[in-house]
Amino acid sequence: MITANFDIEPLRQIIREEMERANFHRDKQNELPPMLTITQLMELLHIKRTKASELLSRADFPVFREAGVLIPTHLLFQWIEKHTSWMEENTDYYEKHII
């Protein structure tokens, strides 16, 4: 029989931080209206109109054009989560902040 001893507290801390981060995003999303205007998108992402226009012109960016230009909030957060994987695969950002 193999027994291993390790300090589980660092793992608990990582789990706690990830749960807090997930709750923050869920709470933030619930505070927002179901559809965002371009101005609200710019404020939320801290970007200027040029970058907002670039995002809105992307084929994969969620935008509802039938009633003007509106961004479905829940789809925006899904899009962000989907595209965050690029950072995981191409940078060491998460390694620096998790360890």
PDB file of N, CA and C in Angstrom:
ATOM      1  N   MET A   1       0.837  -1.170   0.000  1.00  0.00           N
ATOM      2  CA  MET A   1       0.000   0.000   0.000  1.00  0.00           C
ATOM      3  C   MET A   1       0.888   1.242   0.000  1.00  0.00           C
ATOM      4  N   ILE A   2       0.542   2.188  -0.852  1.00  0.00           N
ATOM      5  CA  ILE A   2       1.286   3.437  -0.933  1.00  0.00           C
ATOM      6  C   ILE A   2       0.472   4.524  -0.247  1.00  0.00           C
ATOM      7  N   THR A   3       1.145   5.239   0.633  1.00  0.00           N
ATOM      8  CA  THR A   3       0.483   6.369   1.279  1.00  0.00           C
ATOM      9  C   THR A   3       1.272   7.634   0.968  1.00  0.00           C
ATOM     10  N   ALA A   4       0.547   8.679   0.754  1.00  0.00           N
ATOM     11  CA  ALA A   4       1.185   9.959   0.446  1.00  0.00           C
ATOM     12  C   ALA A   4       0.603  11.026   1.371  1.00  0.00           C
ATOM     13  N   ASN A   5       1.463  11.838   1.856  1.00  0.00           N
ATOM     14  CA  ASN A   5       1.028  12.951   2.696  1.00  0.00           C
ATOM     15  C   ASN A   5       1.336  14.250   1.967  1.00  0.00           C
ATOM     16  N   PHE A   6       0.335  15.080   1.874  1.00  0.00           N
ATOM     17  CA  PHE A   6       0.577  16.418   1.345  1.00  0.00           C
ATOM     18  C   PHE A   6      -0.386  17.377   1.995  1.00  0.00           C
ATOM     19  N   ASP A   7      -0.013  18.638   1.938  1.00  0.00           N
ATOM     20  CA  ASP A   7      -0.822  19.685   2.540  1.00  0.00           C
ATOM     21  C   ASP A   7      -1.954  20.029   1.581  1.00  0.00           C
ATOM     22  N   ILE A   8      -3.171  19.748   1.978  1.00  0.00           N
ATOM     23  CA  ILE A   8      -4.335  19.983   1.126  1.00  0.00           C
ATOM     24  C   ILE A   8      -4.780  21.446   1.135  1.00  0.00           C
ATOM     25  N   GLU A   9      -4.276  22.224   2.063  1.00  0.00           N
ATOM     26  CA  GLU A   9      -4.719  23.619   2.192  1.00  0.00           C
ATOM     27  C   GLU A   9      -4.485  24.450   0.935  1.00  0.00           C
ATOM     28  N   PRO A  10      -3.329  24.353   0.245  1.00  0.00           N
ATOM     29  CA  PRO A  10      -3.167  25.123  -0.994  1.00  0.00           C
ATOM     30  C   PRO A  10      -4.224  24.771  -2.058  1.00  0.00           C
ATOM     31  N   LEU A  11      -4.581  23.505  -2.143  1.00  0.00           N
ATOM     32  CA  LEU A  11      -5.622  23.085  -3.080  1.00  0.00           C
ATOM     33  C   LEU A  11      -6.959  23.688  -2.687  1.00  0.00           C
ATOM     34  N   ARG A  12      -7.279  23.675  -1.418  1.00  0.00           N
ATOM     35  CA  ARG A  12      -8.528  24.297  -0.942  1.00  0.00           C
ATOM     36  C   ARG A  12      -8.550  25.781  -1.266  1.00  0.00           C
ATOM     37  N   GLN A  13      -7.410  26.447  -1.120  1.00  0.00           N
ATOM     38  CA  GLN A  13      -7.338  27.878  -1.421  1.00  0.00           C
ATOM     39  C   GLN A  13      -7.595  28.147  -2.902  1.00  0.00           C
ATOM     40  N   ILE A  14      -7.021  27.330  -3.759  1.00  0.00           N
ATOM     41  CA  ILE A  14      -7.236  27.478  -5.205  1.00  0.00           C
ATOM     42  C   ILE A  14      -8.716  27.280  -5.533  1.00  0.00           C
ATOM     43  N   ILE A  15      -9.321  26.256  -4.973  1.00  0.00           N
ATOM     44  CA  ILE A  15     -10.744  25.987  -5.214  1.00  0.00           C
ATOM     45  C   ILE A  15     -11.587  27.150  -4.708  1.00  0.00           C
ATOM     46  N   ARG A  16     -11.271  27.651  -3.529  1.00  0.00           N
ATOM     47  CA  ARG A  16     -12.001  28.783  -2.947  1.00  0.00           C
ATOM     48  C   ARG A  16     -11.913  30.010  -3.856  1.00  0.00           C
ATOM     49  N   GLU A  17     -10.712  30.305  -4.358  1.00  0.00           N
ATOM     50  CA  GLU A  17     -10.518  31.468  -5.233  1.00  0.00           C
ATOM     51  C   GLU A  17     -11.278  31.309  -6.546  1.00  0.00           C
ATOM     52  N   GLU A  18     -11.261  30.112  -7.107  1.00  0.00           N
ATOM     53  CA  GLU A  18     -11.976  29.879  -8.364  1.00  0.00           C
ATOM     54  C   GLU A  18     -13.482  29.991  -8.166  1.00  0.00           C
ATOM     55  N   MET A  19     -13.977  29.524  -7.032  1.00  0.00           N
ATOM     56  CA  MET A  19     -15.413  29.646  -6.754  1.00  0.00           C
ATOM     57  C   MET A  19     -15.799  31.111  -6.578  1.00  0.00           C
ATOM     58  N   GLU A  20     -14.960  31.883  -5.894  1.00  0.00           N
ATOM     59  CA  GLU A  20     -15.227  33.314  -5.743  1.00  0.00           C
ATOM     60  C   GLU A  20     -15.224  34.006  -7.094  1.00  0.00           C
ATOM     61  N   ARG A  21     -14.271  33.654  -7.944  1.00  0.00           N
ATOM     62  CA  ARG A  21     -14.187  34.252  -9.276  1.00  0.00           C
ATOM     63  C   ARG A  21     -15.430  33.909 -10.093  1.00  0.00           C
ATOM     64  N   ALA A  22     -15.882  32.662 -10.026  1.00  0.00           N
ATOM     65  CA  ALA A  22     -17.084  32.250 -10.759  1.00  0.00           C
ATOM     66  C   ALA A  22     -18.310  32.979 -10.227  1.00  0.00           C
ATOM     67  N   ASN A  23     -18.409  33.124  -8.919  1.00  0.00           N
ATOM     68  CA  ASN A  23     -19.543  33.842  -8.334  1.00  0.00           C
ATOM     69  C   ASN A  23     -19.529  35.303  -8.738  1.00  0.00           C
ATOM     70  N   PHE A  24     -18.344  35.917  -8.816  1.00  0.00           N
ATOM     71  CA  PHE A  24     -18.249  37.314  -9.228  1.00  0.00           C
ATOM     72  C   PHE A  24     -18.804  37.476 -10.636  1.00  0.00           C
ATOM     73  N   HIS A  25     -18.399  36.598 -11.550  1.00  0.00           N
ATOM     74  CA  HIS A  25     -18.866  36.705 -12.925  1.00  0.00           C
ATOM     75  C   HIS A  25     -20.363  36.463 -13.009  1.00  0.00           C
ATOM     76  N   ARG A  26     -20.876  35.494 -12.265  1.00  0.00           N
ATOM     77  CA  ARG A  26     -22.310  35.226 -12.271  1.00  0.00           C
ATOM     78  C   ARG A  26     -23.071  36.418 -11.721  1.00  0.00           C
ATOM     79  N   ASP A  27     -22.587  36.988 -10.611  1.00  0.00           N
ATOM     80  CA  ASP A  27     -23.249  38.142 -10.023  1.00  0.00           C
ATOM     81  C   ASP A  27     -23.192  39.339 -10.958  1.00  0.00           C
ATOM     82  N   LYS A  28     -22.050  39.570 -11.575  1.00  0.00           N
ATOM     83  CA  LYS A  28     -21.885  40.693 -12.504  1.00  0.00           C
ATOM     84  C   LYS A  28     -22.839  40.534 -13.674  1.00  0.00           C
ATOM     85  N   GLN A  29     -22.936  39.333 -14.192  1.00  0.00           N
ATOM     86  CA  GLN A  29     -23.828  39.081 -15.324  1.00  0.00           C
ATOM     87  C   GLN A  29     -25.277  39.327 -14.924  1.00  0.00           C
ATOM     88  N   ASN A  30     -25.666  38.954 -13.711  1.00  0.00           N
ATOM     89  CA  ASN A  30     -27.035  39.152 -13.259  1.00  0.00           C
ATOM     90  C   ASN A  30     -27.365  40.618 -13.027  1.00  0.00           C
ATOM     91  N   GLU A  31     -26.372  41.461 -12.800  1.00  0.00           N
ATOM     92  CA  GLU A  31     -26.596  42.889 -12.601  1.00  0.00           C
ATOM     93  C   GLU A  31     -26.830  43.618 -13.922  1.00  0.00           C
ATOM     94  N   LEU A  32     -26.425  43.038 -15.007  1.00  0.00           N
ATOM     95  CA  LEU A  32     -26.510  43.688 -16.309  1.00  0.00           C
ATOM     96  C   LEU A  32     -27.863  43.425 -16.959  1.00  0.00           C
ATOM     97  N   PRO A  33     -28.262  44.313 -17.880  1.00  0.00           N
ATOM     98  CA  PRO A  33     -29.508  44.066 -18.625  1.00  0.00           C
ATOM     99  C   PRO A  33     -29.327  42.882 -19.571  1.00  0.00           C
ATOM    100  N   PRO A  34     -30.417  42.288 -20.022  1.00  0.00           N
ATOM    101  CA  PRO A  34     -30.313  41.130 -20.919  1.00  0.00           C
ATOM    102  C   PRO A  34     -29.613  41.455 -22.250  1.00  0.00           C
ATOM    103  N   MET A  35     -29.763  42.696 -22.706  1.00  0.00           N
ATOM    104  CA  MET A  35     -29.130  43.130 -23.947  1.00  0.00           C
ATOM    105  C   MET A  35     -28.330  44.400 -23.663  1.00  0.00           C
ATOM    106  N   LEU A  36     -27.104  44.447 -24.175  1.00  0.00           N
ATOM    107  CA  LEU A  36     -26.241  45.607 -23.974  1.00  0.00           C
ATOM    108  C   LEU A  36     -26.203  46.472 -25.230  1.00  0.00           C
ATOM    109  N   THR A  37     -26.119  47.767 -25.031  1.00  0.00           N
ATOM    110  CA  THR A  37     -25.869  48.680 -26.140  1.00  0.00           C
ATOM    111  C   THR A  37     -24.362  48.715 -26.389  1.00  0.00           C
ATOM    112  N   ILE A  38     -23.978  49.356 -27.455  1.00  0.00           N
ATOM    113  CA  ILE A  38     -22.543  49.488 -27.738  1.00  0.00           C
ATOM    114  C   ILE A  38     -21.850  50.244 -26.607  1.00  0.00           C
ATOM    115  N   THR A  39     -22.492  51.296 -26.122  1.00  0.00           N
ATOM    116  CA  THR A  39     -21.902  52.079 -25.027  1.00  0.00           C
ATOM    117  C   THR A  39     -21.724  51.233 -23.779  1.00  0.00           C
ATOM    118  N   GLN A  40     -22.718  50.418 -23.437  1.00  0.00           N
ATOM    119  CA  GLN A  40     -22.602  49.549 -22.265  1.00  0.00           C
ATOM    120  C   GLN A  40     -21.509  48.507 -22.461  1.00  0.00           C
ATOM    121  N   LEU A  41     -21.389  47.981 -23.676  1.00  0.00           N
ATOM    122  CA  LEU A  41     -20.318  47.029 -23.983  1.00  0.00           C
ATOM    123  C   LEU A  41     -18.956  47.682 -23.770  1.00  0.00           C
ATOM    124  N   MET A  42     -18.814  48.907 -24.273  1.00  0.00           N
ATOM    125  CA  MET A  42     -17.552  49.631 -24.136  1.00  0.00           C
ATOM    126  C   MET A  42     -17.216  49.854 -22.661  1.00  0.00           C
ATOM    127  N   GLU A  43     -18.197  50.224 -21.866  1.00  0.00           N
ATOM    128  CA  GLU A  43     -17.973  50.449 -20.434  1.00  0.00           C
ATOM    129  C   GLU A  43     -17.617  49.152 -19.723  1.00  0.00           C
ATOM    130  N   LEU A  44     -18.332  48.074 -20.057  1.00  0.00           N
ATOM    131  CA  LEU A  44     -18.098  46.787 -19.410  1.00  0.00           C
ATOM    132  C   LEU A  44     -16.696  46.256 -19.702  1.00  0.00           C
ATOM    133  N   LEU A  45     -16.266  46.353 -20.949  1.00  0.00           N
ATOM    134  CA  LEU A  45     -14.970  45.801 -21.349  1.00  0.00           C
ATOM    135  C   LEU A  45     -13.834  46.812 -21.267  1.00  0.00           C
ATOM    136  N   HIS A  46     -14.162  48.049 -20.923  1.00  0.00           N
ATOM    137  CA  HIS A  46     -13.155  49.119 -20.845  1.00  0.00           C
ATOM    138  C   HIS A  46     -12.418  49.269 -22.176  1.00  0.00           C
ATOM    139  N   ILE A  47     -13.215  49.396 -23.235  1.00  0.00           N
ATOM    140  CA  ILE A  47     -12.651  49.569 -24.568  1.00  0.00           C
ATOM    141  C   ILE A  47     -13.237  50.826 -25.208  1.00  0.00           C
ATOM    142  N   LYS A  48     -12.619  51.269 -26.273  1.00  0.00           N
ATOM    143  CA  LYS A  48     -13.105  52.439 -27.008  1.00  0.00           C
ATOM    144  C   LYS A  48     -13.952  51.977 -28.195  1.00  0.00           C
ATOM    145  N   ARG A  49     -14.566  52.934 -28.863  1.00  0.00           N
ATOM    146  CA  ARG A  49     -15.491  52.626 -29.951  1.00  0.00           C
ATOM    147  C   ARG A  49     -14.811  51.837 -31.082  1.00  0.00           C
ATOM    148  N   THR A  50     -13.559  52.139 -31.391  1.00  0.00           N
ATOM    149  CA  THR A  50     -12.866  51.426 -32.472  1.00  0.00           C
ATOM    150  C   THR A  50     -12.788  49.935 -32.175  1.00  0.00           C
ATOM    151  N   LYS A  51     -12.390  49.572 -30.953  1.00  0.00           N
ATOM    152  CA  LYS A  51     -12.292  48.157 -30.578  1.00  0.00           C
ATOM    153  C   LYS A  51     -13.676  47.519 -30.533  1.00  0.00           C
ATOM    154  N   ALA A  52     -14.677  48.270 -30.046  1.00  0.00           N
ATOM    155  CA  ALA A  52     -16.048  47.751 -30.019  1.00  0.00           C
ATOM    156  C   ALA A  52     -16.517  47.454 -31.444  1.00  0.00           C
ATOM    157  N   SER A  53     -16.221  48.342 -32.371  1.00  0.00           N
ATOM    158  CA  SER A  53     -16.599  48.131 -33.773  1.00  0.00           C
ATOM    159  C   SER A  53     -15.901  46.901 -34.343  1.00  0.00           C
ATOM    160  N   GLU A  54     -14.643  46.707 -33.980  1.00  0.00           N
ATOM    161  CA  GLU A  54     -13.913  45.519 -34.438  1.00  0.00           C
ATOM    162  C   GLU A  54     -14.593  44.248 -33.925  1.00  0.00           C
ATOM    163  N   LEU A  55     -14.966  44.262 -32.656  1.00  0.00           N
ATOM    164  CA  LEU A  55     -15.643  43.092 -32.093  1.00  0.00           C
ATOM    165  C   LEU A  55     -16.973  42.839 -32.792  1.00  0.00           C
ATOM    166  N   LEU A  56     -17.749  43.894 -32.980  1.00  0.00           N
ATOM    167  CA  LEU A  56     -19.069  43.758 -33.595  1.00  0.00           C
ATOM    168  C   LEU A  56     -18.991  43.284 -35.040  1.00  0.00           C
ATOM    169  N   SER A  57     -17.872  43.507 -35.699  1.00  0.00           N
ATOM    170  CA  SER A  57     -17.737  43.079 -37.092  1.00  0.00           C
ATOM    171  C   SER A  57     -17.251  41.629 -37.219  1.00  0.00           C
ATOM    172  N   ARG A  58     -16.851  41.036 -36.109  1.00  0.00           N
ATOM    173  CA  ARG A  58     -16.408  39.636 -36.147  1.00  0.00           C
ATOM    174  C   ARG A  58     -17.614  38.731 -36.391  1.00  0.00           C
ATOM    175  N   ALA A  59     -17.422  37.723 -37.212  1.00  0.00           N
ATOM    176  CA  ALA A  59     -18.508  36.789 -37.530  1.00  0.00           C
ATOM    177  C   ALA A  59     -18.930  35.970 -36.310  1.00  0.00           C
ATOM    178  N   ASP A  60     -18.001  35.732 -35.389  1.00  0.00           N
ATOM    179  CA  ASP A  60     -18.310  34.882 -34.239  1.00  0.00           C
ATOM    180  C   ASP A  60     -18.779  35.670 -33.010  1.00  0.00           C
ATOM    181  N   PHE A  61     -18.846  36.989 -33.110  1.00  0.00           N
ATOM    182  CA  PHE A  61     -19.237  37.805 -31.953  1.00  0.00           C
ATOM    183  C   PHE A  61     -20.759  37.897 -31.891  1.00  0.00           C
ATOM    184  N   PRO A  62     -21.345  37.668 -30.700  1.00  0.00           N
ATOM    185  CA  PRO A  62     -22.811  37.672 -30.594  1.00  0.00           C
ATOM    186  C   PRO A  62     -23.388  39.088 -30.671  1.00  0.00           C
ATOM    187  N   VAL A  63     -24.141  39.338 -31.714  1.00  0.00           N
ATOM    188  CA  VAL A  63     -24.783  40.642 -31.860  1.00  0.00           C
ATOM    189  C   VAL A  63     -26.162  40.442 -32.481  1.00  0.00           C
ATOM    190  N   PHE A  64     -27.122  41.190 -31.969  1.00  0.00           N
ATOM    191  CA  PHE A  64     -28.512  41.142 -32.428  1.00  0.00           C
ATOM    192  C   PHE A  64     -28.773  42.443 -33.171  1.00  0.00           C
ATOM    193  N   ARG A  65     -28.932  42.366 -34.483  1.00  0.00           N
ATOM    194  CA  ARG A  65     -29.055  43.571 -35.304  1.00  0.00           C
ATOM    195  C   ARG A  65     -30.494  43.880 -35.712  1.00  0.00           C
ATOM    196  N   GLU A  66     -31.432  43.039 -35.366  1.00  0.00           N
ATOM    197  CA  GLU A  66     -32.809  43.237 -35.793  1.00  0.00           C
ATOM    198  C   GLU A  66     -33.472  44.435 -35.103  1.00  0.00           C
ATOM    199  N   ALA A  67     -32.965  44.857 -33.980  1.00  0.00           N
ATOM    200  CA  ALA A  67     -33.537  46.002 -33.248  1.00  0.00           C
ATOM    201  C   ALA A  67     -32.440  47.030 -32.982  1.00  0.00           C
ATOM    202  N   GLY A  68     -31.641  47.308 -33.978  1.00  0.00           N
ATOM    203  CA  GLY A  68     -30.475  48.155 -33.780  1.00  0.00           C
ATOM    204  C   GLY A  68     -29.277  47.246 -33.573  1.00  0.00           C
ATOM    205  N   VAL A  69     -28.313  47.683 -32.812  1.00  0.00           N
ATOM    206  CA  VAL A  69     -27.150  46.861 -32.501  1.00  0.00           C
ATOM    207  C   VAL A  69     -27.162  46.594 -31.002  1.00  0.00           C
ATOM    208  N   LEU A  70     -27.528  45.365 -30.644  1.00  0.00           N
ATOM    209  CA  LEU A  70     -27.586  44.961 -29.245  1.00  0.00           C
ATOM    210  C   LEU A  70     -26.792  43.683 -29.060  1.00  0.00           C
ATOM    211  N   ILE A  71     -26.189  43.536 -27.888  1.00  0.00           N
ATOM    212  CA  ILE A  71     -25.370  42.368 -27.588  1.00  0.00           C
ATOM    213  C   ILE A  71     -26.047  41.592 -26.466  1.00  0.00           C
ATOM    214  N   PRO A  72     -26.478  40.351 -26.721  1.00  0.00           N
ATOM    215  CA  PRO A  72     -27.079  39.543 -25.659  1.00  0.00           C
ATOM    216  C   PRO A  72     -26.038  39.263 -24.563  1.00  0.00           C
ATOM    217  N   THR A  73     -26.331  39.682 -23.355  1.00  0.00           N
ATOM    218  CA  THR A  73     -25.368  39.606 -22.261  1.00  0.00           C
ATOM    219  C   THR A  73     -24.895  38.179 -22.010  1.00  0.00           C
ATOM    220  N   HIS A  74     -25.820  37.237 -21.935  1.00  0.00           N
ATOM    221  CA  HIS A  74     -25.411  35.851 -21.632  1.00  0.00           C
ATOM    222  C   HIS A  74     -24.530  35.287 -22.736  1.00  0.00           C
ATOM    223  N   LEU A  75     -24.793  35.655 -23.992  1.00  0.00           N
ATOM    224  CA  LEU A  75     -23.950  35.178 -25.086  1.00  0.00           C
ATOM    225  C   LEU A  75     -22.587  35.858 -25.082  1.00  0.00           C
ATOM    226  N   LEU A  76     -22.546  37.109 -24.653  1.00  0.00           N
ATOM    227  CA  LEU A  76     -21.264  37.807 -24.536  1.00  0.00           C
ATOM    228  C   LEU A  76     -20.360  37.091 -23.541  1.00  0.00           C
ATOM    229  N   PHE A  77     -20.910  36.729 -22.369  1.00  0.00           N
ATOM    230  CA  PHE A  77     -20.096  36.039 -21.366  1.00  0.00           C
ATOM    231  C   PHE A  77     -19.662  34.661 -21.866  1.00  0.00           C
ATOM    232  N   GLN A  78     -20.528  33.979 -22.601  1.00  0.00           N
ATOM    233  CA  GLN A  78     -20.132  32.691 -23.184  1.00  0.00           C
ATOM    234  C   GLN A  78     -19.016  32.887 -24.200  1.00  0.00           C
ATOM    235  N   TRP A  79     -19.118  33.935 -25.020  1.00  0.00           N
ATOM    236  CA  TRP A  79     -18.091  34.234 -26.017  1.00  0.00           C
ATOM    237  C   TRP A  79     -16.759  34.530 -25.331  1.00  0.00           C
ATOM    238  N   ILE A  80     -16.808  35.293 -24.257  1.00  0.00           N
ATOM    239  CA  ILE A  80     -15.583  35.614 -23.520  1.00  0.00           C
ATOM    240  C   ILE A  80     -14.955  34.343 -22.962  1.00  0.00           C
ATOM    241  N   GLU A  81     -15.770  33.490 -22.346  1.00  0.00           N
ATOM    242  CA  GLU A  81     -15.241  32.237 -21.797  1.00  0.00           C
ATOM    243  C   GLU A  81     -14.633  31.372 -22.895  1.00  0.00           C
ATOM    244  N   LYS A  82     -15.293  31.294 -24.025  1.00  0.00           N
ATOM    245  CA  LYS A  82     -14.786  30.480 -25.140  1.00  0.00           C
ATOM    246  C   LYS A  82     -13.443  31.011 -25.629  1.00  0.00           C
ATOM    247  N   HIS A  83     -13.294  32.310 -25.699  1.00  0.00           N
ATOM    248  CA  HIS A  83     -12.074  32.894 -26.240  1.00  0.00           C
ATOM    249  C   HIS A  83     -10.985  33.096 -25.186  1.00  0.00           C
ATOM    250  N   THR A  84     -11.301  32.854 -23.943  1.00  0.00           N
ATOM    251  CA  THR A  84     -10.288  32.925 -22.902  1.00  0.00           C
ATOM    252  C   THR A  84      -9.318  31.751 -23.022  1.00  0.00           C
ATOM    253  N   SER A  85      -9.745  30.673 -23.627  1.00  0.00           N
ATOM    254  CA  SER A  85      -8.858  29.518 -23.778  1.00  0.00           C
ATOM    255  C   SER A  85      -7.617  29.875 -24.580  1.00  0.00           C
ATOM    256  N   TRP A  86      -7.683  30.875 -25.450  1.00  0.00           N
ATOM    257  CA  TRP A  86      -6.510  31.296 -26.195  1.00  0.00           C
ATOM    258  C   TRP A  86      -5.409  31.697 -25.229  1.00  0.00           C
ATOM    259  N   MET A  87      -5.779  32.410 -24.172  1.00  0.00           N
ATOM    260  CA  MET A  87      -4.787  32.829 -23.176  1.00  0.00           C
ATOM    261  C   MET A  87      -4.174  31.618 -22.493  1.00  0.00           C
ATOM    262  N   GLU A  88      -5.002  30.643 -22.155  1.00  0.00           N
ATOM    263  CA  GLU A  88      -4.494  29.442 -21.498  1.00  0.00           C
ATOM    264  C   GLU A  88      -3.499  28.700 -22.388  1.00  0.00           C
ATOM    265  N   GLU A  89      -3.780  28.655 -23.687  1.00  0.00           N
ATOM    266  CA  GLU A  89      -2.952  27.890 -24.608  1.00  0.00           C
ATOM    267  C   GLU A  89      -1.720  28.652 -25.085  1.00  0.00           C
ATOM    268  N   ASN A  90      -1.779  29.975 -25.104  1.00  0.00           N
ATOM    269  CA  ASN A  90      -0.721  30.758 -25.730  1.00  0.00           C
ATOM    270  C   ASN A  90       0.069  31.659 -24.790  1.00  0.00           C
ATOM    271  N   THR A  91      -0.289  31.683 -23.526  1.00  0.00           N
ATOM    272  CA  THR A  91       0.462  32.501 -22.570  1.00  0.00           C
ATOM    273  C   THR A  91       0.656  31.706 -21.288  1.00  0.00           C
ATOM    274  N   ASP A  92       1.452  32.247 -20.392  1.00  0.00           N
ATOM    275  CA  ASP A  92       1.618  31.608 -19.086  1.00  0.00           C
ATOM    276  C   ASP A  92       0.890  32.394 -18.001  1.00  0.00           C
ATOM    277  N   TYR A  93      -0.114  33.196 -18.387  1.00  0.00           N
ATOM    278  CA  TYR A  93      -0.863  34.029 -17.452  1.00  0.00           C
ATOM    279  C   TYR A  93      -1.429  33.203 -16.298  1.00  0.00           C
ATOM    280  N   TYR A  94      -2.116  32.120 -16.608  1.00  0.00           N
ATOM    281  CA  TYR A  94      -2.769  31.330 -15.561  1.00  0.00           C
ATOM    282  C   TYR A  94      -1.758  30.620 -14.674  1.00  0.00           C
ATOM    283  N   GLU A  95      -0.646  30.194 -15.240  1.00  0.00           N
ATOM    284  CA  GLU A  95       0.376  29.548 -14.439  1.00  0.00           C
ATOM    285  C   GLU A  95       0.919  30.521 -13.390  1.00  0.00           C
ATOM    286  N   LYS A  96       1.115  31.755 -13.778  1.00  0.00           N
ATOM    287  CA  LYS A  96       1.646  32.766 -12.848  1.00  0.00           C
ATOM    288  C   LYS A  96       0.649  33.111 -11.755  1.00  0.00           C
ATOM    289  N   HIS A  97      -0.636  33.075 -12.076  1.00  0.00           N
ATOM    290  CA  HIS A  97      -1.635  33.527 -11.116  1.00  0.00           C
ATOM    291  C   HIS A  97      -2.250  32.404 -10.286  1.00  0.00           C
ATOM    292  N   ILE A  98      -2.038  31.174 -10.651  1.00  0.00           N
ATOM    293  CA  ILE A  98      -2.602  30.059  -9.882  1.00  0.00           C
ATOM    294  C   ILE A  98      -1.579  29.531  -8.884  1.00  0.00           C
ATOM    295  N   ILE A  99      -0.331  29.519  -9.245  1.00  0.00           N
ATOM    296  CA  ILE A  99       0.693  28.951  -8.373  1.00  0.00           C
ATOM    297  C   ILE A  99       0.988  29.868  -7.227  1.00  0.00           C
TER     298      ILE A  99
END
